[in-house]
Amino acid sequence: MANAKQETLKKRKEKRSDFFYALSKYVFVGDVVGGFSPVVLDLTKEINWYAVVFGLITSTILASLGDRILK
């Protein structure tokens, strides 16, 4: 009985960790790549540095949170 509870808790931690890793990837793609897209599409010649920096910081925090949950 106790072993089944431990397995359930372990699976929950893994799922929660996977959620934060996936969220980190989505934030990275949405903000960091989105910050460079105006340059690639020749809409403007400026990079949206606010989106790039926000995306890098947020994705790093979310990935480290996912790693911390997994430990």
PDB file of N, CA and C in Angstrom:
ATOM      1  N   MET A   1       0.818  -1.187   0.000  1.00  0.00           N
ATOM      2  CA  MET A   1       0.000   0.000   0.000  1.00  0.00           C
ATOM      3  C   MET A   1       0.873   1.268   0.000  1.00  0.00           C
ATOM      4  N   ALA A   2       1.899   1.277   0.845  1.00  0.00           N
ATOM      5  CA  ALA A   2       2.775   2.444   0.920  1.00  0.00           C
ATOM      6  C   ALA A   2       3.580   2.600  -0.366  1.00  0.00           C
ATOM      7  N   ASN A   3       3.937   1.486  -0.972  1.00  0.00           N
ATOM      8  CA  ASN A   3       4.705   1.519  -2.209  1.00  0.00           C
ATOM      9  C   ASN A   3       3.865   2.115  -3.347  1.00  0.00           C
ATOM     10  N   ALA A   4       2.587   1.790  -3.377  1.00  0.00           N
ATOM     11  CA  ALA A   4       1.696   2.341  -4.401  1.00  0.00           C
ATOM     12  C   ALA A   4       1.537   3.847  -4.227  1.00  0.00           C
ATOM     13  N   LYS A   5       1.491   4.307  -2.966  1.00  0.00           N
ATOM     14  CA  LYS A   5       1.382   5.742  -2.706  1.00  0.00           C
ATOM     15  C   LYS A   5       2.639   6.482  -3.162  1.00  0.00           C
ATOM     16  N   GLN A   6       3.798   5.874  -2.914  1.00  0.00           N
ATOM     17  CA  GLN A   6       5.053   6.485  -3.328  1.00  0.00           C
ATOM     18  C   GLN A   6       5.138   6.561  -4.847  1.00  0.00           C
ATOM     19  N   GLU A   7       4.684   5.525  -5.534  1.00  0.00           N
ATOM     20  CA  GLU A   7       4.691   5.540  -6.996  1.00  0.00           C
ATOM     21  C   GLU A   7       3.754   6.616  -7.532  1.00  0.00           C
ATOM     22  N   THR A   8       2.610   6.780  -6.897  1.00  0.00           N
ATOM     23  CA  THR A   8       1.660   7.812  -7.309  1.00  0.00           C
ATOM     24  C   THR A   8       2.258   9.199  -7.117  1.00  0.00           C
ATOM     25  N   LEU A   9       2.895   9.418  -5.990  1.00  0.00           N
ATOM     26  CA  LEU A   9       3.530  10.717  -5.737  1.00  0.00           C
ATOM     27  C   LEU A   9       4.668  10.972  -6.718  1.00  0.00           C
ATOM     28  N   LYS A  10       5.423   9.939  -7.036  1.00  0.00           N
ATOM     29  CA  LYS A  10       6.535  10.080  -7.991  1.00  0.00           C
ATOM     30  C   LYS A  10       6.007  10.438  -9.379  1.00  0.00           C
ATOM     31  N   LYS A  11       4.926   9.798  -9.792  1.00  0.00           N
ATOM     32  CA  LYS A  11       4.338  10.105 -11.097  1.00  0.00           C
ATOM     33  C   LYS A  11       3.791  11.526 -11.136  1.00  0.00           C
ATOM     34  N   ARG A  12       3.186  11.952 -10.035  1.00  0.00           N
ATOM     35  CA  ARG A  12       2.668  13.323  -9.979  1.00  0.00           C
ATOM     36  C   ARG A  12       3.793  14.338 -10.095  1.00  0.00           C
ATOM     37  N   LYS A  13       4.895  14.085  -9.400  1.00  0.00           N
ATOM     38  CA  LYS A  13       6.043  14.990  -9.478  1.00  0.00           C
ATOM     39  C   LYS A  13       6.605  15.032 -10.895  1.00  0.00           C
ATOM     40  N   GLU A  14       6.676  13.874 -11.541  1.00  0.00           N
ATOM     41  CA  GLU A  14       7.191  13.833 -12.907  1.00  0.00           C
ATOM     42  C   GLU A  14       6.276  14.585 -13.865  1.00  0.00           C
ATOM     43  N   LYS A  15       4.975  14.422 -13.705  1.00  0.00           N
ATOM     44  CA  LYS A  15       4.022  15.129 -14.571  1.00  0.00           C
ATOM     45  C   LYS A  15       4.106  16.638 -14.350  1.00  0.00           C
ATOM     46  N   ARG A  16       4.208  17.049 -13.097  1.00  0.00           N
ATOM     47  CA  ARG A  16       4.316  18.476 -12.783  1.00  0.00           C
ATOM     48  C   ARG A  16       5.609  19.042 -13.356  1.00  0.00           C
ATOM     49  N   SER A  17       6.682  18.288 -13.240  1.00  0.00           N
ATOM     50  CA  SER A  17       7.962  18.719 -13.786  1.00  0.00           C
ATOM     51  C   SER A  17       7.898  18.819 -15.310  1.00  0.00           C
ATOM     52  N   ASP A  18       7.290  17.830 -15.954  1.00  0.00           N
ATOM     53  CA  ASP A  18       7.131  17.871 -17.412  1.00  0.00           C
ATOM     54  C   ASP A  18       6.309  19.076 -17.848  1.00  0.00           C
ATOM     55  N   PHE A  19       5.306  19.431 -17.059  1.00  0.00           N
ATOM     56  CA  PHE A  19       4.488  20.604 -17.369  1.00  0.00           C
ATOM     57  C   PHE A  19       5.340  21.866 -17.385  1.00  0.00           C
ATOM     58  N   PHE A  20       6.189  22.048 -16.377  1.00  0.00           N
ATOM     59  CA  PHE A  20       7.008  23.257 -16.324  1.00  0.00           C
ATOM     60  C   PHE A  20       8.086  23.266 -17.410  1.00  0.00           C
ATOM     61  N   TYR A  21       8.627  22.104 -17.754  1.00  0.00           N
ATOM     62  CA  TYR A  21       9.579  22.045 -18.863  1.00  0.00           C
ATOM     63  C   TYR A  21       8.898  22.422 -20.178  1.00  0.00           C
ATOM     64  N   ALA A  22       7.703  21.894 -20.414  1.00  0.00           N
ATOM     65  CA  ALA A  22       6.980  22.218 -21.638  1.00  0.00           C
ATOM     66  C   ALA A  22       6.608  23.696 -21.671  1.00  0.00           C
ATOM     67  N   LEU A  23       6.169  24.225 -20.547  1.00  0.00           N
ATOM     68  CA  LEU A  23       5.834  25.642 -20.466  1.00  0.00           C
ATOM     69  C   LEU A  23       7.064  26.503 -20.747  1.00  0.00           C
ATOM     70  N   SER A  24       8.203  26.055 -20.278  1.00  0.00           N
ATOM     71  CA  SER A  24       9.452  26.766 -20.538  1.00  0.00           C
ATOM     72  C   SER A  24       9.759  26.802 -22.036  1.00  0.00           C
ATOM     73  N   LYS A  25       9.551  25.693 -22.708  1.00  0.00           N
ATOM     74  CA  LYS A  25       9.791  25.642 -24.159  1.00  0.00           C
ATOM     75  C   LYS A  25       8.828  26.555 -24.908  1.00  0.00           C
ATOM     76  N   TYR A  26       7.562  26.559 -24.496  1.00  0.00           N
ATOM     77  CA  TYR A  26       6.576  27.398 -25.177  1.00  0.00           C
ATOM     78  C   TYR A  26       6.867  28.882 -24.973  1.00  0.00           C
ATOM     79  N   VAL A  27       7.272  29.263 -23.783  1.00  0.00           N
ATOM     80  CA  VAL A  27       7.619  30.660 -23.524  1.00  0.00           C
ATOM     81  C   VAL A  27       8.845  31.049 -24.342  1.00  0.00           C
ATOM     82  N   PHE A  28       9.816  30.150 -24.420  1.00  0.00           N
ATOM     83  CA  PHE A  28      11.018  30.439 -25.201  1.00  0.00           C
ATOM     84  C   PHE A  28      10.665  30.665 -26.666  1.00  0.00           C
ATOM     85  N   VAL A  29       9.887  29.766 -27.219  1.00  0.00           N
ATOM     86  CA  VAL A  29       9.524  29.903 -28.632  1.00  0.00           C
ATOM     87  C   VAL A  29       8.676  31.146 -28.852  1.00  0.00           C
ATOM     88  N   GLY A  30       7.717  31.370 -27.983  1.00  0.00           N
ATOM     89  CA  GLY A  30       6.816  32.501 -28.178  1.00  0.00           C
ATOM     90  C   GLY A  30       7.482  33.846 -28.034  1.00  0.00           C
ATOM     91  N   ASP A  31       8.324  33.990 -27.039  1.00  0.00           N
ATOM     92  CA  ASP A  31       8.911  35.308 -26.772  1.00  0.00           C
ATOM     93  C   ASP A  31      10.257  35.516 -27.446  1.00  0.00           C
ATOM     94  N   VAL A  32      11.154  34.571 -27.303  1.00  0.00           N
ATOM     95  CA  VAL A  32      12.503  34.773 -27.842  1.00  0.00           C
ATOM     96  C   VAL A  32      12.487  34.719 -29.360  1.00  0.00           C
ATOM     97  N   VAL A  33      11.911  33.696 -29.919  1.00  0.00           N
ATOM     98  CA  VAL A  33      11.844  33.614 -31.376  1.00  0.00           C
ATOM     99  C   VAL A  33      10.924  34.702 -31.922  1.00  0.00           C
ATOM    100  N   GLY A  34       9.838  34.980 -31.202  1.00  0.00           N
ATOM    101  CA  GLY A  34       8.943  36.066 -31.615  1.00  0.00           C
ATOM    102  C   GLY A  34       9.604  37.431 -31.568  1.00  0.00           C
ATOM    103  N   GLY A  35      10.572  37.606 -30.695  1.00  0.00           N
ATOM    104  CA  GLY A  35      11.298  38.870 -30.628  1.00  0.00           C
ATOM    105  C   GLY A  35      12.196  39.103 -31.826  1.00  0.00           C
ATOM    106  N   PHE A  36      12.663  38.021 -32.442  1.00  0.00           N
ATOM    107  CA  PHE A  36      13.517  38.122 -33.627  1.00  0.00           C
ATOM    108  C   PHE A  36      12.728  38.103 -34.936  1.00  0.00           C
ATOM    109  N   SER A  37      11.456  37.752 -34.870  1.00  0.00           N
ATOM    110  CA  SER A  37      10.679  37.589 -36.100  1.00  0.00           C
ATOM    111  C   SER A  37      10.523  38.865 -36.935  1.00  0.00           C
ATOM    112  N   PRO A  38      10.410  40.057 -36.346  1.00  0.00           N
ATOM    113  CA  PRO A  38      10.311  41.241 -37.214  1.00  0.00           C
ATOM    114  C   PRO A  38      11.550  41.433 -38.092  1.00  0.00           C
ATOM    115  N   VAL A  39      12.704  41.041 -37.609  1.00  0.00           N
ATOM    116  CA  VAL A  39      13.928  41.182 -38.402  1.00  0.00           C
ATOM    117  C   VAL A  39      13.926  40.182 -39.550  1.00  0.00           C
ATOM    118  N   VAL A  40      13.491  38.968 -39.250  1.00  0.00           N
ATOM    119  CA  VAL A  40      13.481  37.919 -40.265  1.00  0.00           C
ATOM    120  C   VAL A  40      12.456  38.234 -41.357  1.00  0.00           C
ATOM    121  N   LEU A  41      11.308  38.763 -40.960  1.00  0.00           N
ATOM    122  CA  LEU A  41      10.247  39.067 -41.919  1.00  0.00           C
ATOM    123  C   LEU A  41      10.405  40.431 -42.572  1.00  0.00           C
ATOM    124  N   ASP A  42      11.471  41.147 -42.273  1.00  0.00           N
ATOM    125  CA  ASP A  42      11.745  42.483 -42.803  1.00  0.00           C
ATOM    126  C   ASP A  42      10.633  43.480 -42.506  1.00  0.00           C
ATOM    127  N   LEU A  43       9.948  43.312 -41.372  1.00  0.00           N
ATOM    128  CA  LEU A  43       8.940  44.292 -40.976  1.00  0.00           C
ATOM    129  C   LEU A  43       9.611  45.535 -40.419  1.00  0.00           C
ATOM    130  N   THR A  44      10.595  45.323 -39.572  1.00  0.00           N
ATOM    131  CA  THR A  44      11.415  46.422 -39.060  1.00  0.00           C
ATOM    132  C   THR A  44      12.832  45.891 -38.972  1.00  0.00           C
ATOM    133  N   LYS A  45      13.726  46.767 -38.735  1.00  0.00           N
ATOM    134  CA  LYS A  45      15.123  46.348 -38.583  1.00  0.00           C
ATOM    135  C   LYS A  45      15.526  46.263 -37.118  1.00  0.00           C
ATOM    136  N   GLU A  46      14.547  46.296 -36.231  1.00  0.00           N
ATOM    137  CA  GLU A  46      14.841  46.267 -34.800  1.00  0.00           C
ATOM    138  C   GLU A  46      14.392  44.959 -34.181  1.00  0.00           C
ATOM    139  N   ILE A  47      15.188  44.477 -33.251  1.00  0.00           N
ATOM    140  CA  ILE A  47      14.842  43.293 -32.478  1.00  0.00           C
ATOM    141  C   ILE A  47      14.087  43.755 -31.242  1.00  0.00           C
ATOM    142  N   ASN A  48      13.025  43.059 -30.911  1.00  0.00           N
ATOM    143  CA  ASN A  48      12.254  43.387 -29.721  1.00  0.00           C
ATOM    144  C   ASN A  48      12.984  42.812 -28.509  1.00  0.00           C
ATOM    145  N   TRP A  49      13.898  43.594 -27.957  1.00  0.00           N
ATOM    146  CA  TRP A  49      14.751  43.103 -26.870  1.00  0.00           C
ATOM    147  C   TRP A  49      13.981  42.821 -25.582  1.00  0.00           C
ATOM    148  N   TYR A  50      12.884  43.549 -25.375  1.00  0.00           N
ATOM    149  CA  TYR A  50      12.083  43.292 -24.175  1.00  0.00           C
ATOM    150  C   TYR A  50      11.508  41.874 -24.211  1.00  0.00           C
ATOM    151  N   ALA A  51      11.008  41.468 -25.353  1.00  0.00           N
ATOM    152  CA  ALA A  51      10.445  40.119 -25.487  1.00  0.00           C
ATOM    153  C   ALA A  51      11.539  39.067 -25.379  1.00  0.00           C
ATOM    154  N   VAL A  52      12.693  39.327 -25.951  1.00  0.00           N
ATOM    155  CA  VAL A  52      13.797  38.364 -25.916  1.00  0.00           C
ATOM    156  C   VAL A  52      14.285  38.170 -24.478  1.00  0.00           C
ATOM    157  N   VAL A  53      14.530  39.262 -23.776  1.00  0.00           N
ATOM    158  CA  VAL A  53      15.029  39.171 -22.402  1.00  0.00           C
ATOM    159  C   VAL A  53      13.976  38.557 -21.484  1.00  0.00           C
ATOM    160  N   PHE A  54      12.721  38.975 -21.628  1.00  0.00           N
ATOM    161  CA  PHE A  54      11.644  38.399 -20.833  1.00  0.00           C
ATOM    162  C   PHE A  54      11.517  36.899 -21.089  1.00  0.00           C
ATOM    163  N   GLY A  55      11.602  36.495 -22.343  1.00  0.00           N
ATOM    164  CA  GLY A  55      11.502  35.082 -22.691  1.00  0.00           C
ATOM    165  C   GLY A  55      12.652  34.262 -22.137  1.00  0.00           C
ATOM    166  N   LEU A  56      13.858  34.793 -22.212  1.00  0.00           N
ATOM    167  CA  LEU A  56      15.019  34.073 -21.678  1.00  0.00           C
ATOM    168  C   LEU A  56      14.936  33.915 -20.164  1.00  0.00           C
ATOM    169  N   ILE A  57      14.585  34.985 -19.480  1.00  0.00           N
ATOM    170  CA  ILE A  57      14.495  34.924 -18.021  1.00  0.00           C
ATOM    171  C   ILE A  57      13.364  34.001 -17.581  1.00  0.00           C
ATOM    172  N   THR A  58      12.206  34.151 -18.191  1.00  0.00           N
ATOM    173  CA  THR A  58      11.056  33.341 -17.801  1.00  0.00           C
ATOM    174  C   THR A  58      11.269  31.870 -18.115  1.00  0.00           C
ATOM    175  N   SER A  59      11.821  31.563 -19.288  1.00  0.00           N
ATOM    176  CA  SER A  59      12.043  30.153 -19.620  1.00  0.00           C
ATOM    177  C   SER A  59      13.102  29.535 -18.712  1.00  0.00           C
ATOM    178  N   THR A  60      14.097  30.309 -18.300  1.00  0.00           N
ATOM    179  CA  THR A  60      15.103  29.800 -17.368  1.00  0.00           C
ATOM    180  C   THR A  60      14.484  29.517 -15.995  1.00  0.00           C
ATOM    181  N   ILE A  61      13.641  30.428 -15.530  1.00  0.00           N
ATOM    182  CA  ILE A  61      12.976  30.227 -14.234  1.00  0.00           C
ATOM    183  C   ILE A  61      12.066  29.010 -14.279  1.00  0.00           C
ATOM    184  N   LEU A  62      11.294  28.867 -15.342  1.00  0.00           N
ATOM    185  CA  LEU A  62      10.371  27.736 -15.439  1.00  0.00           C
ATOM    186  C   LEU A  62      11.115  26.406 -15.554  1.00  0.00           C
ATOM    187  N   ALA A  63      12.208  26.384 -16.316  1.00  0.00           N
ATOM    188  CA  ALA A  63      12.978  25.145 -16.441  1.00  0.00           C
ATOM    189  C   ALA A  63      13.636  24.770 -15.120  1.00  0.00           C
ATOM    190  N   SER A  64      14.150  25.751 -14.384  1.00  0.00           N
ATOM    191  CA  SER A  64      14.758  25.442 -13.091  1.00  0.00           C
ATOM    192  C   SER A  64      13.703  25.014 -12.074  1.00  0.00           C
ATOM    193  N   LEU A  65      12.504  25.566 -12.170  1.00  0.00           N
ATOM    194  CA  LEU A  65      11.414  25.139 -11.301  1.00  0.00           C
ATOM    195  C   LEU A  65      11.028  23.688 -11.599  1.00  0.00           C
ATOM    196  N   GLY A  66      10.978  23.340 -12.867  1.00  0.00           N
ATOM    197  CA  GLY A  66      10.700  21.954 -13.233  1.00  0.00           C
ATOM    198  C   GLY A  66      11.777  21.014 -12.743  1.00  0.00           C
ATOM    199  N   ASP A  67      13.021  21.451 -12.814  1.00  0.00           N
ATOM    200  CA  ASP A  67      14.126  20.636 -12.315  1.00  0.00           C
ATOM    201  C   ASP A  67      14.066  20.497 -10.795  1.00  0.00           C
ATOM    202  N   ARG A  68      13.727  21.565 -10.119  1.00  0.00           N
ATOM    203  CA  ARG A  68      13.637  21.538  -8.658  1.00  0.00           C
ATOM    204  C   ARG A  68      12.516  20.622  -8.185  1.00  0.00           C
ATOM    205  N   ILE A  69      11.399  20.617  -8.906  1.00  0.00           N
ATOM    206  CA  ILE A  69      10.291  19.735  -8.548  1.00  0.00           C
ATOM    207  C   ILE A  69      10.688  18.279  -8.730  1.00  0.00           C
ATOM    208  N   LEU A  70      11.445  17.996  -9.761  1.00  0.00           N
ATOM    209  CA  LEU A  70      11.845  16.623 -10.066  1.00  0.00           C
ATOM    210  C   LEU A  70      12.786  16.073  -9.004  1.00  0.00           C
ATOM    211  N   LYS A  71      13.583  16.926  -8.384  1.00  0.00           N
ATOM    212  CA  LYS A  71      14.520  16.452  -7.345  1.00  0.00           C
ATOM    213  C   LYS A  71      13.755  16.177  -6.133  1.00  0.00           C
TER     214      LYS A  71
END
